[in-house]
Amino acid sequence: MGMELDILGYEKGGYNQESFIAKLDAYNTLITAMQNGLPNDKAKAELELIHQQPMFREKGGFFGKVGFSVKDTDAYIADLEKGIAKAFK
């Protein structure tokens, strides 16, 4: 799974890029561990922890910052989690 972040749009008040990248790094670490034989029960527990890992949003408003589009990012993560979940079957 490549990190093609150019598919994500940007918006004022969107997700903070650093917290999103940290979450993606956690997913990548999990995928690597699964490929190296991490038992399914431990992988499922780790997936749940990553799922609950918060992503912070940039401040909105007139002087707000731009971050990743919330809609695009949520869809990207949902697809990623579906792909990981398929490995459990």
Protein backbone atom coordinates (compact mmCIF):
# COMPACT_ATOMS: atom_id res chain seq x y z
CA MET A 1 0.00 0.00 0.00
CA GLY A 2 1.60 3.20 -1.12
CA MET A 3 1.09 6.48 0.64
CA GLU A 4 -0.49 8.43 -2.21
CA LEU A 5 -1.46 11.48 -0.21
CA ASP A 6 -2.07 13.51 -3.35
CA ILE A 7 -5.53 11.90 -3.47
CA LEU A 8 -6.48 13.82 -0.33
CA GLY A 9 -7.84 17.29 -0.71
CA TYR A 10 -7.05 20.19 1.56
CA GLU A 11 -9.39 22.41 3.53
CA LYS A 12 -9.19 25.05 6.20
CA GLY A 13 -9.78 23.38 9.54
CA GLY A 14 -8.98 19.92 8.12
CA TYR A 15 -6.96 17.22 9.79
CA ASN A 16 -3.51 18.16 11.04
CA GLN A 17 -0.97 16.65 8.68
CA GLU A 18 1.41 15.47 11.40
CA SER A 19 -1.27 13.58 13.33
CA PHE A 20 -2.53 11.98 10.11
CA ILE A 21 0.99 10.88 9.11
CA ALA A 22 1.50 9.44 12.62
CA LYS A 23 -1.67 7.38 12.24
CA LEU A 24 -0.58 6.16 8.79
CA ASP A 25 2.80 5.19 10.22
CA ALA A 26 1.02 3.13 12.88
CA TYR A 27 -1.03 1.33 10.19
CA ASN A 28 2.13 0.65 8.17
CA THR A 29 3.88 -0.75 11.24
CA LEU A 30 0.89 -3.03 11.86
CA ILE A 31 0.85 -4.23 8.25
CA THR A 32 4.56 -5.02 8.41
CA ALA A 33 4.10 -6.90 11.69
CA MET A 34 1.24 -8.90 10.18
CA GLN A 35 3.40 -9.79 7.19
CA ASN A 36 6.06 -10.97 9.63
CA GLY A 37 3.66 -13.31 11.42
CA LEU A 38 1.92 -11.24 14.11
CA PRO A 39 -0.94 -13.42 15.43
CA ASN A 40 -4.44 -12.31 14.38
CA ASP A 41 -5.66 -11.67 17.93
CA LYS A 42 -2.78 -9.29 18.60
CA ALA A 43 -3.19 -7.66 15.19
CA LYS A 44 -6.91 -7.09 15.80
CA ALA A 45 -6.16 -5.51 19.18
CA GLU A 46 -3.52 -3.26 17.63
CA LEU A 47 -5.89 -2.29 14.81
CA GLU A 48 -8.48 -1.20 17.37
CA LEU A 49 -5.88 0.90 19.21
CA ILE A 50 -4.83 2.58 15.98
CA HIS A 51 -8.47 3.14 15.03
CA GLN A 52 -8.97 4.99 18.31
CA GLN A 53 -5.81 7.08 17.89
CA PRO A 54 -7.03 10.67 17.54
CA MET A 55 -6.34 12.89 14.57
CA PHE A 56 -6.31 16.54 15.44
CA ARG A 57 -7.85 19.24 13.31
CA GLU A 58 -6.34 22.54 12.36
CA LYS A 59 -7.96 25.70 13.59
CA GLY A 60 -10.67 26.90 11.23
CA GLY A 61 -11.91 30.41 10.70
CA PHE A 62 -10.43 33.46 9.02
CA PHE A 63 -6.92 32.94 10.40
CA GLY A 64 -7.20 29.16 10.39
CA LYS A 65 -4.75 26.67 8.94
CA VAL A 66 -5.21 24.29 6.06
CA GLY A 67 -5.16 20.55 6.70
CA PHE A 68 -6.21 17.37 4.93
CA SER A 69 -9.87 17.22 3.90
CA VAL A 70 -11.86 15.49 6.64
CA LYS A 71 -14.14 13.73 4.13
CA ASP A 72 -11.25 12.49 1.96
CA THR A 73 -9.16 11.44 4.94
CA ASP A 74 -11.98 9.54 6.65
CA ALA A 75 -12.71 7.69 3.38
CA TYR A 76 -9.01 6.87 2.88
CA ILE A 77 -8.69 5.46 6.40
CA ALA A 78 -11.93 3.47 6.06
CA ASP A 79 -10.59 1.85 2.86
CA LEU A 80 -7.25 1.15 4.55
CA GLU A 81 -8.97 -0.49 7.53
CA LYS A 82 -11.14 -2.61 5.20
CA GLY A 83 -8.01 -3.84 3.46
CA ILE A 84 -6.37 -4.74 6.76
CA ALA A 85 -9.54 -6.46 8.00
CA LYS A 86 -9.57 -8.69 4.89
CA ALA A 87 -6.27 -10.16 6.05
CA PHE A 88 -8.06 -11.61 9.10
CA LYS A 89 -10.34 -13.80 6.97
